[in-house]
Amino acid sequence: MGESLMLQVIPGTALDVAQREAIIALCNRAYEEDLRPLFETWRDATHVLGFYGERLVSHALWVTRYFQVGDGPLLRTAYVEAVATDPAYRGRGFASALLRRIADEVRDFDLAALSPSDPAFYARLGWDLWRGPLLIRTATGWQPSPEDEQVMILRLPKTPPLDLMAALSAEWREGELW
């Protein structure tokens, strides 16, 4: 019988140096760029690792952010980053398995969100594209996001009713704003 994907959820603070380096190397191969600087901003992340046999072949993480729809209450949001599968292992459903696991793990959040590289892929997994304006909350006010920026959300058990045409804001952060 063939091997299947084994998933491991691990807080970023529990990663050893070798695990962290393997994750960064995998993501760099998948994205064909150096993501090491971004990993420096994701120290409080929770990682989901996908192993095929002993080999790390897929990865995703989430960090806690606070989104706001219009002038509504802040929503504790599991923001998904660095969804990556080794190019040699793509097309096997590994990223989909990681995203389903994340949805199970973050059920206590108000919302899950991400900035998609491929909106159609995420839509197949139940994620909805935010259609309203995207803003970043700063100490001096709201800053509009670039027009080509996209955010998708995943409704969770605690998600209140949402108007996908309303303004959506997130707090400013170091690195990538979305």
Protein backbone atom coordinates (compact mmCIF):
# COMPACT_ATOMS: atom_id res chain seq x y z
CA MET A 1 0.00 0.00 0.00
CA GLY A 2 1.28 3.51 -0.86
CA GLU A 3 2.30 6.11 1.66
CA SER A 4 -0.15 8.81 2.65
CA LEU A 5 0.33 12.34 3.91
CA MET A 6 0.88 12.61 7.66
CA LEU A 7 0.06 15.96 9.24
CA GLN A 8 1.70 17.54 12.28
CA VAL A 9 0.56 20.77 13.97
CA ILE A 10 3.34 22.54 15.85
CA PRO A 11 3.71 26.00 17.40
CA GLY A 12 6.50 28.04 15.85
CA THR A 13 8.11 28.41 19.27
CA ALA A 14 8.50 24.62 19.46
CA LEU A 15 10.33 24.28 16.13
CA ASP A 16 13.99 23.39 16.37
CA VAL A 17 16.55 24.94 14.03
CA ALA A 18 16.54 21.97 11.63
CA GLN A 19 12.73 21.96 11.36
CA ARG A 20 12.64 25.71 10.78
CA GLU A 21 15.34 25.48 8.10
CA ALA A 22 13.49 22.60 6.36
CA ILE A 23 10.27 24.64 6.32
CA ILE A 24 11.99 27.71 4.88
CA ALA A 25 13.78 25.60 2.25
CA LEU A 26 10.47 23.96 1.23
CA CYS A 27 8.70 27.32 0.96
CA ASN A 28 11.59 28.84 -1.00
CA ARG A 29 11.41 25.96 -3.51
CA ALA A 30 7.65 26.24 -3.80
CA TYR A 31 7.56 30.03 -4.19
CA GLU A 32 10.88 30.29 -6.07
CA GLU A 33 11.97 33.18 -3.85
CA ASP A 34 13.61 33.75 -0.49
CA LEU A 35 10.90 33.84 2.20
CA ARG A 36 13.32 33.82 5.13
CA PRO A 37 12.64 37.52 5.99
CA LEU A 38 8.89 36.81 6.23
CA PHE A 39 9.48 33.88 8.58
CA GLU A 40 11.19 36.35 10.92
CA THR A 41 7.81 38.14 11.25
CA TRP A 42 5.88 34.88 11.87
CA ARG A 43 7.53 33.85 15.15
CA ASP A 44 4.17 33.34 16.90
CA ALA A 45 2.74 31.23 14.09
CA THR A 46 1.31 27.74 14.31
CA HIS A 47 2.58 25.48 11.53
CA VAL A 48 0.92 22.54 9.83
CA LEU A 49 3.51 20.23 8.33
CA GLY A 50 2.76 17.56 5.75
CA PHE A 51 5.10 14.58 5.60
CA TYR A 52 5.17 11.97 2.85
CA GLY A 53 7.13 9.21 4.48
CA GLU A 54 9.93 11.03 6.29
CA ARG A 55 10.06 13.91 3.79
CA LEU A 56 8.49 17.32 4.51
CA VAL A 57 6.50 18.00 1.34
CA SER A 58 3.82 20.51 2.33
CA HIS A 59 3.43 23.39 4.78
CA ALA A 60 1.04 26.11 5.89
CA LEU A 61 0.85 28.32 8.95
CA TRP A 62 -1.52 30.69 10.64
CA VAL A 63 -0.98 33.76 12.77
CA THR A 64 -3.53 35.60 14.88
CA ARG A 65 -4.68 38.92 13.41
CA TYR A 66 -7.64 41.19 14.12
CA PHE A 67 -9.91 42.03 11.21
CA GLN A 68 -12.75 44.52 11.25
CA VAL A 69 -15.71 44.73 8.89
CA GLY A 70 -16.69 48.38 8.53
CA ASP A 71 -16.85 49.82 12.04
CA GLY A 72 -17.94 46.51 13.57
CA PRO A 73 -16.19 44.66 16.37
CA LEU A 74 -12.67 43.29 15.93
CA LEU A 75 -12.73 39.68 14.75
CA ARG A 76 -10.01 37.34 16.02
CA THR A 77 -8.76 35.98 12.72
CA ALA A 78 -6.57 32.99 11.89
CA TYR A 79 -4.57 34.41 9.01
CA VAL A 80 -3.10 31.67 6.82
CA GLU A 81 0.33 32.15 5.25
CA ALA A 82 3.00 30.21 3.37
CA VAL A 83 0.79 27.49 1.89
CA ALA A 84 3.41 25.53 0.00
CA THR A 85 3.93 22.11 -1.52
CA ASP A 86 7.22 20.86 -2.91
CA PRO A 87 6.95 21.16 -6.71
CA ALA A 88 7.72 17.43 -7.09
CA TYR A 89 4.68 16.55 -4.94
CA ARG A 90 2.03 18.93 -6.29
CA GLY A 91 -1.30 17.74 -7.63
CA ARG A 92 -1.79 15.11 -4.91
CA GLY A 93 -4.17 17.08 -2.66
CA PHE A 94 -1.56 17.82 -0.01
CA ALA A 95 -2.25 21.58 0.23
CA SER A 96 -5.98 20.86 0.36
CA ALA A 97 -5.41 18.45 3.26
CA LEU A 98 -3.40 21.08 5.14
CA LEU A 99 -6.10 23.71 4.64
CA ARG A 100 -8.83 21.35 5.85
CA ARG A 101 -6.72 20.62 8.93
CA ILE A 102 -6.24 24.34 9.57
CA ALA A 103 -10.02 24.86 9.33
CA ASP A 104 -10.45 22.19 12.02
CA GLU A 105 -7.71 23.64 14.23
CA VAL A 106 -8.96 27.26 14.17
CA ARG A 107 -12.65 26.64 14.89
CA ASP A 108 -12.43 28.78 18.03
CA PHE A 109 -11.46 31.88 15.99
CA ASP A 110 -14.05 34.34 14.66
CA LEU A 111 -12.78 34.05 11.11
CA ALA A 112 -10.03 32.61 8.92
CA ALA A 113 -8.48 34.59 6.07
CA LEU A 114 -5.64 34.59 3.58
CA SER A 115 -4.27 36.44 0.58
CA PRO A 116 -4.68 33.94 -2.28
CA SER A 117 -2.20 33.19 -5.03
CA ASP A 118 -4.91 31.15 -6.79
CA PRO A 119 -8.45 32.20 -5.75
CA ALA A 120 -10.08 29.31 -7.65
CA PHE A 121 -8.10 26.76 -5.61
CA TYR A 122 -9.25 28.24 -2.30
CA ALA A 123 -12.83 28.75 -3.52
CA ARG A 124 -13.08 24.97 -4.10
CA LEU A 125 -12.29 24.55 -0.40
CA GLY A 126 -15.04 26.93 0.78
CA TRP A 127 -13.13 30.22 0.92
CA ASP A 128 -14.94 33.38 -0.28
CA LEU A 129 -13.32 36.34 -2.01
CA TRP A 130 -13.79 39.62 -0.14
CA ARG A 131 -15.36 42.06 -2.63
CA GLY A 132 -15.28 45.31 -0.64
CA PRO A 133 -12.37 47.68 -0.11
CA LEU A 134 -9.34 46.42 1.83
CA LEU A 135 -7.74 48.73 4.38
CA ILE A 136 -4.88 48.60 6.86
CA ARG A 137 -5.40 50.19 10.27
CA THR A 138 -2.43 52.32 11.35
CA ALA A 139 -1.77 54.64 14.29
CA THR A 140 -2.70 57.57 12.07
CA GLY A 141 -5.80 56.11 10.37
CA TRP A 142 -6.76 53.74 7.60
CA GLN A 143 -4.48 53.12 4.65
CA PRO A 144 -6.02 51.73 1.44
CA SER A 145 -4.48 48.52 0.09
CA PRO A 146 -3.18 48.27 -3.49
CA GLU A 147 -6.02 47.60 -5.93
CA ASP A 148 -4.58 44.23 -6.96
CA GLU A 149 -4.59 42.94 -3.34
CA GLN A 150 -7.08 40.15 -2.65
CA VAL A 151 -8.28 38.56 0.57
CA MET A 152 -10.38 35.45 0.97
CA ILE A 153 -12.23 34.45 4.12
CA LEU A 154 -13.41 31.16 5.54
CA ARG A 155 -16.45 31.28 7.76
CA LEU A 156 -16.05 29.41 11.03
CA PRO A 157 -18.63 28.45 13.71
CA LYS A 158 -18.17 31.82 15.49
CA THR A 159 -18.21 33.96 12.32
CA PRO A 160 -20.95 36.59 12.51
CA PRO A 161 -23.00 37.51 9.42
CA LEU A 162 -20.68 39.34 7.01
CA ASP A 163 -21.26 41.77 4.14
CA LEU A 164 -18.52 40.85 1.66
CA MET A 165 -18.99 44.25 -0.04
CA ALA A 166 -18.18 46.24 3.14
CA ALA A 167 -14.72 47.57 3.93
CA LEU A 168 -12.43 45.03 5.56
CA SER A 169 -9.47 46.20 7.61
CA ALA A 170 -6.56 44.53 9.34
CA GLU A 171 -3.97 45.94 11.71
CA TRP A 172 -0.66 47.14 10.26
CA ARG A 173 2.14 44.63 10.65
CA GLU A 174 5.78 44.34 9.70
CA GLY A 175 6.48 42.53 6.43
CA GLU A 176 3.56 41.92 4.11
CA LEU A 177 0.52 43.90 5.16
CA TRP A 178 -1.93 41.22 3.97
